[in-house]
Amino acid sequence: MRKKSLYSFHSISSDMNYAENTKKNNAFDPKDFFRTASVTKTIRRVQPKEILFSQGDVCKDVLYLQEGEVKLSVVSYAGKEAVVAILKPGDFIGEGVLAGQCEYGETASALTCATLIVIDRKEMMQTLREEHAFSDHFIACMLERNNRIKKDLIDQLLNCSEKRLARILLLLAEHRGMDKSQCALLNVSQETLAGMVGTTRSRINFFMNKFRKLGFIHYDGGLQVNDSLLSVVTHDR
């Protein structure tokens, strides 16, 4: 059991420190780049629950999420849905087209009002070849995404549903919060959390009520997550 706790603790700690370290080590600003560089692009604004693209659609563009949040989900042949990721400002979407992917492997839908920069595949390839700072930034984003997916997979294999939910809540809170001790979470339903954790909504509801009674979370104009929830991730069971 010790190995599980050590994995969970180091995983959540490194994930929650990633954004801060990136800001310190990377002076490149994608917003400034897209505003000033001669990149052929279009701006797309979407409303909550609007579908950006659906699983199986032909993919031809790369999207850069400038504002808002987007959910990536997949549906099996049996109709079971799983949430792959919650994307935040600064994330790229649909980058598989650069590796020859012909169809989107997931559905992207807006969780909030969102603004995206849409870049054609050929334009994106040319920009990556010519703009080295942008290319370095893009590669760093893809490596971080790969690292996150690997950690999510290990989390699914090693940890129980309760710990997976706690880890997800802490990571989402870190992305959206204003401080480390108490962070706001908005627009994430229990259905979405169930898809991310890989369990049922009733189990999510059970754990959320448990976390609330223990003081790890509370509701005040939205879901609030306290950093004391980390004790669930690190506690051996």
C-alpha atoms as a PDB file:
ATOM      1  CA  MET A   1       0.000   0.000   0.000  1.00  0.00           C
ATOM      2  CA  ARG A   2       2.926   2.326   0.597  1.00  0.00           C
ATOM      3  CA  LYS A   3       3.762   2.421  -3.113  1.00  0.00           C
ATOM      4  CA  LYS A   4       0.281   3.648  -3.969  1.00  0.00           C
ATOM      5  CA  SER A   5       0.473   6.552  -1.551  1.00  0.00           C
ATOM      6  CA  LEU A   6       3.946   7.548  -2.688  1.00  0.00           C
ATOM      7  CA  TYR A   7       2.790   7.544  -6.306  1.00  0.00           C
ATOM      8  CA  SER A   8      -0.316   9.578  -5.542  1.00  0.00           C
ATOM      9  CA  PHE A   9       1.537  12.158  -3.449  1.00  0.00           C
ATOM     10  CA  HIS A  10       4.366  12.776  -5.906  1.00  0.00           C
ATOM     11  CA  SER A  11       1.972  12.717  -8.863  1.00  0.00           C
ATOM     12  CA  ILE A  12      -0.420  15.298  -7.483  1.00  0.00           C
ATOM     13  CA  SER A  13       2.424  17.486  -6.210  1.00  0.00           C
ATOM     14  CA  SER A  14       4.216  17.547  -9.553  1.00  0.00           C
ATOM     15  CA  ASP A  15       0.979  18.153 -11.455  1.00  0.00           C
ATOM     16  CA  MET A  16      -0.020  21.067  -9.249  1.00  0.00           C
ATOM     17  CA  ASN A  17       3.449  22.667  -9.526  1.00  0.00           C
ATOM     18  CA  TYR A  18       3.671  22.296 -13.310  1.00  0.00           C
ATOM     19  CA  ALA A  19       1.877  25.500 -14.269  1.00  0.00           C
ATOM     20  CA  GLU A  20       3.930  27.587 -11.846  1.00  0.00           C
ATOM     21  CA  ASN A  21       7.228  26.143 -13.073  1.00  0.00           C
ATOM     22  CA  THR A  22       6.210  26.617 -16.702  1.00  0.00           C
ATOM     23  CA  LYS A  23       5.521  30.302 -16.152  1.00  0.00           C
ATOM     24  CA  LYS A  24       8.950  30.764 -14.573  1.00  0.00           C
ATOM     25  CA  ASN A  25      10.871  28.844 -17.236  1.00  0.00           C
ATOM     26  CA  ASN A  26       8.981  29.791 -20.384  1.00  0.00           C
ATOM     27  CA  ALA A  27       8.752  33.447 -21.399  1.00  0.00           C
ATOM     28  CA  PHE A  28       6.909  32.644 -24.633  1.00  0.00           C
ATOM     29  CA  ASP A  29       3.365  34.056 -24.672  1.00  0.00           C
ATOM     30  CA  PRO A  30       1.052  32.362 -27.216  1.00  0.00           C
ATOM     31  CA  LYS A  31      -1.501  35.183 -26.946  1.00  0.00           C
ATOM     32  CA  ASP A  32       1.081  37.772 -27.988  1.00  0.00           C
ATOM     33  CA  PHE A  33       2.324  35.447 -30.710  1.00  0.00           C
ATOM     34  CA  PHE A  34      -1.089  34.902 -32.276  1.00  0.00           C
ATOM     35  CA  ARG A  35      -1.865  38.612 -31.989  1.00  0.00           C
ATOM     36  CA  THR A  36       1.313  39.787 -33.744  1.00  0.00           C
ATOM     37  CA  ALA A  37       2.501  36.903 -35.955  1.00  0.00           C
ATOM     38  CA  SER A  38       1.374  36.632 -39.580  1.00  0.00           C
ATOM     39  CA  VAL A  39      -0.454  33.356 -39.048  1.00  0.00           C
ATOM     40  CA  THR A  40      -3.591  32.746 -41.081  1.00  0.00           C
ATOM     41  CA  LYS A  41      -6.252  31.919 -38.512  1.00  0.00           C
ATOM     42  CA  THR A  42      -9.866  32.398 -37.548  1.00  0.00           C
ATOM     43  CA  ILE A  43     -11.406  33.163 -34.174  1.00  0.00           C
ATOM     44  CA  ARG A  44     -14.232  30.927 -32.959  1.00  0.00           C
ATOM     45  CA  ARG A  45     -16.416  31.740 -29.971  1.00  0.00           C
ATOM     46  CA  VAL A  46     -18.673  29.084 -28.486  1.00  0.00           C
ATOM     47  CA  GLN A  47     -21.310  28.885 -25.784  1.00  0.00           C
ATOM     48  CA  PRO A  48     -21.535  26.378 -22.898  1.00  0.00           C
ATOM     49  CA  LYS A  49     -22.460  22.850 -24.080  1.00  0.00           C
ATOM     50  CA  GLU A  50     -21.759  23.772 -27.715  1.00  0.00           C
ATOM     51  CA  ILE A  51     -19.995  21.017 -29.667  1.00  0.00           C
ATOM     52  CA  LEU A  52     -16.696  22.026 -31.254  1.00  0.00           C
ATOM     53  CA  PHE A  53     -16.403  18.707 -33.090  1.00  0.00           C
ATOM     54  CA  SER A  54     -17.719  15.188 -32.649  1.00  0.00           C
ATOM     55  CA  GLN A  55     -16.012  11.821 -32.466  1.00  0.00           C
ATOM     56  CA  GLY A  56     -15.603  10.564 -36.039  1.00  0.00           C
ATOM     57  CA  ASP A  57     -15.712  14.012 -37.703  1.00  0.00           C
ATOM     58  CA  VAL A  58     -13.074  14.728 -40.333  1.00  0.00           C
ATOM     59  CA  CYS A  59     -10.231  16.691 -38.739  1.00  0.00           C
ATOM     60  CA  LYS A  60      -8.363  19.354 -40.649  1.00  0.00           C
ATOM     61  CA  ASP A  61      -7.597  22.082 -38.096  1.00  0.00           C
ATOM     62  CA  VAL A  62      -5.677  22.609 -34.883  1.00  0.00           C
ATOM     63  CA  LEU A  63      -7.442  24.661 -32.233  1.00  0.00           C
ATOM     64  CA  TYR A  64      -5.819  26.775 -29.529  1.00  0.00           C
ATOM     65  CA  LEU A  65      -7.984  27.398 -26.465  1.00  0.00           C
ATOM     66  CA  GLN A  66      -7.550  31.054 -25.605  1.00  0.00           C
ATOM     67  CA  GLU A  67     -10.354  31.481 -23.062  1.00  0.00           C
ATOM     68  CA  GLY A  68     -12.778  29.137 -21.321  1.00  0.00           C
ATOM     69  CA  GLU A  69     -12.839  25.396 -20.712  1.00  0.00           C
ATOM     70  CA  VAL A  70     -13.496  22.442 -23.009  1.00  0.00           C
ATOM     71  CA  LYS A  71     -14.338  18.834 -22.236  1.00  0.00           C
ATOM     72  CA  LEU A  72     -12.979  15.945 -24.311  1.00  0.00           C
ATOM     73  CA  SER A  73     -15.040  12.751 -24.159  1.00  0.00           C
ATOM     74  CA  VAL A  74     -15.305   9.448 -25.997  1.00  0.00           C
ATOM     75  CA  VAL A  75     -18.209   7.044 -26.433  1.00  0.00           C
ATOM     76  CA  SER A  76     -17.805   3.287 -26.855  1.00  0.00           C
ATOM     77  CA  TYR A  77     -19.786   1.168 -29.325  1.00  0.00           C
ATOM     78  CA  ALA A  78     -21.927   0.135 -26.352  1.00  0.00           C
ATOM     79  CA  GLY A  79     -22.756   3.780 -25.654  1.00  0.00           C
ATOM     80  CA  LYS A  80     -20.637   4.233 -22.530  1.00  0.00           C
ATOM     81  CA  GLU A  81     -19.107   7.705 -22.240  1.00  0.00           C
ATOM     82  CA  ALA A  82     -15.754   8.514 -20.655  1.00  0.00           C
ATOM     83  CA  VAL A  83     -14.306  11.983 -20.089  1.00  0.00           C
ATOM     84  CA  VAL A  84     -10.742  12.098 -21.386  1.00  0.00           C
ATOM     85  CA  ALA A  85      -9.750  15.565 -20.199  1.00  0.00           C
ATOM     86  CA  ILE A  86     -10.848  19.018 -19.141  1.00  0.00           C
ATOM     87  CA  LEU A  87      -8.836  21.510 -21.181  1.00  0.00           C
ATOM     88  CA  LYS A  88      -7.936  24.970 -19.954  1.00  0.00           C
ATOM     89  CA  PRO A  89      -6.667  28.167 -21.635  1.00  0.00           C
ATOM     90  CA  GLY A  90      -3.330  27.496 -23.288  1.00  0.00           C
ATOM     91  CA  ASP A  91      -4.168  23.971 -24.427  1.00  0.00           C
ATOM     92  CA  PHE A  92      -4.166  22.791 -28.036  1.00  0.00           C
ATOM     93  CA  ILE A  93      -6.995  20.651 -29.411  1.00  0.00           C
ATOM     94  CA  GLY A  94      -7.001  18.380 -32.440  1.00  0.00           C
ATOM     95  CA  GLU A  95      -3.223  18.213 -32.733  1.00  0.00           C
ATOM     96  CA  GLY A  96      -3.501  14.629 -33.989  1.00  0.00           C
ATOM     97  CA  VAL A  97      -4.141  16.003 -37.472  1.00  0.00           C
ATOM     98  CA  LEU A  98      -0.441  16.931 -37.604  1.00  0.00           C
ATOM     99  CA  ALA A  99       0.428  13.222 -37.339  1.00  0.00           C
ATOM    100  CA  GLY A 100      -1.904  12.223 -40.165  1.00  0.00           C
ATOM    101  CA  GLN A 101      -5.047  11.609 -38.105  1.00  0.00           C
ATOM    102  CA  CYS A 102      -8.047  11.811 -40.426  1.00  0.00           C
ATOM    103  CA  GLU A 103     -10.902  11.732 -37.899  1.00  0.00           C
ATOM    104  CA  TYR A 104     -11.309  13.119 -34.420  1.00  0.00           C
ATOM    105  CA  GLY A 105     -11.091  10.346 -31.855  1.00  0.00           C
ATOM    106  CA  GLU A 106     -13.145  12.236 -29.279  1.00  0.00           C
ATOM    107  CA  THR A 107     -15.899  14.821 -28.917  1.00  0.00           C
ATOM    108  CA  ALA A 108     -14.984  18.323 -27.764  1.00  0.00           C
ATOM    109  CA  SER A 109     -17.684  20.376 -26.058  1.00  0.00           C
ATOM    110  CA  ALA A 110     -17.533  23.703 -24.254  1.00  0.00           C
ATOM    111  CA  LEU A 111     -18.033  23.730 -20.502  1.00  0.00           C
ATOM    112  CA  THR A 112     -18.057  27.527 -20.416  1.00  0.00           C
ATOM    113  CA  CYS A 113     -18.115  30.351 -22.931  1.00  0.00           C
ATOM    114  CA  ALA A 114     -14.874  29.849 -24.829  1.00  0.00           C
ATOM    115  CA  THR A 115     -12.716  31.561 -27.424  1.00  0.00           C
ATOM    116  CA  LEU A 116     -10.556  29.454 -29.732  1.00  0.00           C
ATOM    117  CA  ILE A 117      -8.021  30.179 -32.439  1.00  0.00           C
ATOM    118  CA  VAL A 118      -8.482  27.857 -35.411  1.00  0.00           C
ATOM    119  CA  ILE A 119      -5.462  27.128 -37.602  1.00  0.00           C
ATOM    120  CA  ASP A 120      -5.495  25.047 -40.770  1.00  0.00           C
ATOM    121  CA  ARG A 121      -3.236  21.980 -40.737  1.00  0.00           C
ATOM    122  CA  LYS A 122      -0.923  23.247 -43.494  1.00  0.00           C
ATOM    123  CA  GLU A 123      -0.646  26.662 -41.875  1.00  0.00           C
ATOM    124  CA  MET A 124       0.157  25.053 -38.520  1.00  0.00           C
ATOM    125  CA  MET A 125       2.851  22.852 -40.069  1.00  0.00           C
ATOM    126  CA  GLN A 126       4.461  25.845 -41.768  1.00  0.00           C
ATOM    127  CA  THR A 127       4.322  27.919 -38.580  1.00  0.00           C
ATOM    128  CA  LEU A 128       5.992  25.136 -36.582  1.00  0.00           C
ATOM    129  CA  ARG A 129       8.792  24.953 -39.157  1.00  0.00           C
ATOM    130  CA  GLU A 130       9.397  28.701 -39.338  1.00  0.00           C
ATOM    131  CA  GLU A 131       8.712  29.935 -35.800  1.00  0.00           C
ATOM    132  CA  HIS A 132      11.155  28.157 -33.491  1.00  0.00           C
ATOM    133  CA  ALA A 133       9.914  29.719 -30.240  1.00  0.00           C
ATOM    134  CA  PHE A 134       6.367  28.680 -31.043  1.00  0.00           C
ATOM    135  CA  SER A 135       7.555  25.212 -32.034  1.00  0.00           C
ATOM    136  CA  ASP A 136       9.393  24.800 -28.720  1.00  0.00           C
ATOM    137  CA  HIS A 137       6.285  25.891 -26.825  1.00  0.00           C
ATOM    138  CA  PHE A 138       4.048  23.508 -28.766  1.00  0.00           C
ATOM    139  CA  ILE A 139       6.389  20.559 -28.136  1.00  0.00           C
ATOM    140  CA  ALA A 140       6.481  21.393 -24.415  1.00  0.00           C
ATOM    141  CA  CYS A 141       2.667  21.420 -24.328  1.00  0.00           C
ATOM    142  CA  MET A 142       2.469  18.048 -26.070  1.00  0.00           C
ATOM    143  CA  LEU A 143       5.022  16.492 -23.711  1.00  0.00           C
ATOM    144  CA  GLU A 144       3.104  17.804 -20.707  1.00  0.00           C
ATOM    145  CA  ARG A 145      -0.148  16.411 -22.152  1.00  0.00           C
ATOM    146  CA  ASN A 146       1.500  13.011 -22.671  1.00  0.00           C
ATOM    147  CA  ASN A 147       2.823  13.073 -19.115  1.00  0.00           C
ATOM    148  CA  ARG A 148      -0.636  13.896 -17.752  1.00  0.00           C
ATOM    149  CA  ILE A 149      -2.262  11.077 -19.741  1.00  0.00           C
ATOM    150  CA  LYS A 150       0.324   8.613 -18.401  1.00  0.00           C
ATOM    151  CA  LYS A 151      -0.335   9.707 -14.832  1.00  0.00           C
ATOM    152  CA  ASP A 152      -4.094   9.454 -15.359  1.00  0.00           C
ATOM    153  CA  LEU A 153      -3.678   5.899 -16.632  1.00  0.00           C
ATOM    154  CA  ILE A 154      -1.534   4.894 -13.654  1.00  0.00           C
ATOM    155  CA  ASP A 155      -4.074   6.517 -11.347  1.00  0.00           C
ATOM    156  CA  GLN A 156      -6.844   4.429 -12.919  1.00  0.00           C
ATOM    157  CA  LEU A 157      -4.797   1.251 -12.468  1.00  0.00           C
ATOM    158  CA  LEU A 158      -3.570   1.800  -8.905  1.00  0.00           C
ATOM    159  CA  ASN A 159      -6.098   3.852  -6.990  1.00  0.00           C
ATOM    160  CA  CYS A 160      -9.690   3.475  -5.841  1.00  0.00           C
ATOM    161  CA  SER A 161     -12.519   5.705  -7.073  1.00  0.00           C
ATOM    162  CA  GLU A 162     -12.390   7.913  -3.982  1.00  0.00           C
ATOM    163  CA  LYS A 163      -8.715   8.729  -4.448  1.00  0.00           C
ATOM    164  CA  ARG A 164      -9.173   9.305  -8.193  1.00  0.00           C
ATOM    165  CA  LEU A 165     -11.971  11.779  -7.498  1.00  0.00           C
ATOM    166  CA  ALA A 166      -9.888  13.621  -4.893  1.00  0.00           C
ATOM    167  CA  ARG A 167      -6.951  13.902  -7.312  1.00  0.00           C
ATOM    168  CA  ILE A 168      -9.170  15.211 -10.114  1.00  0.00           C
ATOM    169  CA  LEU A 169     -10.822  17.795  -7.854  1.00  0.00           C
ATOM    170  CA  LEU A 170      -7.430  19.037  -6.654  1.00  0.00           C
ATOM    171  CA  LEU A 171      -6.071  19.324 -10.194  1.00  0.00           C
ATOM    172  CA  LEU A 172      -9.148  21.137 -11.480  1.00  0.00           C
ATOM    173  CA  ALA A 173      -9.072  23.471  -8.485  1.00  0.00           C
ATOM    174  CA  GLU A 174      -5.405  24.258  -9.145  1.00  0.00           C
ATOM    175  CA  HIS A 175      -6.235  25.182 -12.739  1.00  0.00           C
ATOM    176  CA  ARG A 176      -9.047  27.540 -11.750  1.00  0.00           C
ATOM    177  CA  GLY A 177      -8.279  28.752  -8.242  1.00  0.00           C
ATOM    178  CA  MET A 178      -6.910  32.038  -7.010  1.00  0.00           C
ATOM    179  CA  ASP A 179      -4.864  30.610  -4.120  1.00  0.00           C
ATOM    180  CA  LYS A 180      -3.556  27.267  -2.930  1.00  0.00           C
ATOM    181  CA  SER A 181      -5.645  26.846   0.211  1.00  0.00           C
ATOM    182  CA  GLN A 182      -9.129  27.303  -1.206  1.00  0.00           C
ATOM    183  CA  CYS A 183      -9.911  27.172  -4.922  1.00  0.00           C
ATOM    184  CA  ALA A 184     -13.133  27.710  -6.856  1.00  0.00           C
ATOM    185  CA  LEU A 185     -14.518  25.010  -9.111  1.00  0.00           C
ATOM    186  CA  LEU A 186     -17.266  25.948 -11.531  1.00  0.00           C
ATOM    187  CA  ASN A 187     -19.304  24.210 -14.232  1.00  0.00           C
ATOM    188  CA  VAL A 188     -18.214  20.644 -13.540  1.00  0.00           C
ATOM    189  CA  SER A 189     -21.198  18.380 -13.063  1.00  0.00           C
ATOM    190  CA  GLN A 190     -21.200  15.110 -11.169  1.00  0.00           C
ATOM    191  CA  GLU A 191     -21.860  13.377 -14.490  1.00  0.00           C
ATOM    192  CA  THR A 192     -18.641  14.847 -15.881  1.00  0.00           C
ATOM    193  CA  LEU A 193     -16.698  13.858 -12.765  1.00  0.00           C
ATOM    194  CA  ALA A 194     -18.101  10.330 -13.023  1.00  0.00           C
ATOM    195  CA  GLY A 195     -16.830  10.129 -16.607  1.00  0.00           C
ATOM    196  CA  MET A 196     -13.380  11.297 -15.540  1.00  0.00           C
ATOM    197  CA  VAL A 197     -13.132   8.971 -12.553  1.00  0.00           C
ATOM    198  CA  GLY A 198     -14.607   5.981 -14.369  1.00  0.00           C
ATOM    199  CA  THR A 199     -17.474   5.272 -11.997  1.00  0.00           C
ATOM    200  CA  THR A 200     -21.185   6.035 -11.584  1.00  0.00           C
ATOM    201  CA  ARG A 201     -22.788   9.348 -10.702  1.00  0.00           C
ATOM    202  CA  SER A 202     -24.242   7.800  -7.520  1.00  0.00           C
ATOM    203  CA  ARG A 203     -20.730   6.908  -6.315  1.00  0.00           C
ATOM    204  CA  ILE A 204     -19.530  10.432  -7.084  1.00  0.00           C
ATOM    205  CA  ASN A 205     -22.467  11.837  -5.128  1.00  0.00           C
ATOM    206  CA  PHE A 206     -21.607   9.555  -2.187  1.00  0.00           C
ATOM    207  CA  PHE A 207     -17.969  10.663  -2.110  1.00  0.00           C
ATOM    208  CA  MET A 208     -18.845  14.347  -2.575  1.00  0.00           C
ATOM    209  CA  ASN A 209     -21.207  14.215   0.391  1.00  0.00           C
ATOM    210  CA  LYS A 210     -18.488  12.483   2.404  1.00  0.00           C
ATOM    211  CA  PHE A 211     -15.897  15.135   1.440  1.00  0.00           C
ATOM    212  CA  ARG A 212     -18.371  17.884   2.373  1.00  0.00           C
ATOM    213  CA  LYS A 213     -19.080  16.406   5.806  1.00  0.00           C
ATOM    214  CA  LEU A 214     -15.336  16.126   6.460  1.00  0.00           C
ATOM    215  CA  GLY A 215     -14.809  19.781   5.499  1.00  0.00           C
ATOM    216  CA  PHE A 216     -12.721  19.052   2.399  1.00  0.00           C
ATOM    217  CA  ILE A 217     -15.226  20.789   0.112  1.00  0.00           C
ATOM    218  CA  HIS A 218     -18.173  23.126   0.481  1.00  0.00           C
ATOM    219  CA  TYR A 219     -20.603  25.027  -1.697  1.00  0.00           C
ATOM    220  CA  ASP A 220     -20.638  28.810  -1.758  1.00  0.00           C
ATOM    221  CA  GLY A 221     -21.520  30.208  -5.165  1.00  0.00           C
ATOM    222  CA  GLY A 222     -19.921  27.125  -6.652  1.00  0.00           C
ATOM    223  CA  LEU A 223     -17.909  24.180  -5.473  1.00  0.00           C
ATOM    224  CA  GLN A 224     -14.972  25.082  -3.229  1.00  0.00           C
ATOM    225  CA  VAL A 225     -12.084  22.669  -2.658  1.00  0.00           C
ATOM    226  CA  ASN A 226      -9.765  22.913   0.338  1.00  0.00           C
ATOM    227  CA  ASP A 227      -6.186  21.706   0.090  1.00  0.00           C
ATOM    228  CA  SER A 228      -6.901  19.397   3.051  1.00  0.00           C
ATOM    229  CA  LEU A 229      -8.462  17.077   0.441  1.00  0.00           C
ATOM    230  CA  LEU A 230      -4.884  16.023  -0.350  1.00  0.00           C
ATOM    231  CA  SER A 231      -5.057  13.812   2.756  1.00  0.00           C
ATOM    232  CA  VAL A 232      -7.457  11.519   0.888  1.00  0.00           C
ATOM    233  CA  VAL A 233      -4.890  11.055  -1.894  1.00  0.00           C
ATOM    234  CA  THR A 234      -1.995  10.311   0.426  1.00  0.00           C
ATOM    235  CA  HIS A 235      -3.840   8.151   2.963  1.00  0.00           C
ATOM    236  CA  ASP A 236      -3.304   4.374   2.769  1.00  0.00           C
ATOM    237  CA  ARG A 237      -6.455   2.251   2.665  1.00  0.00           C
END
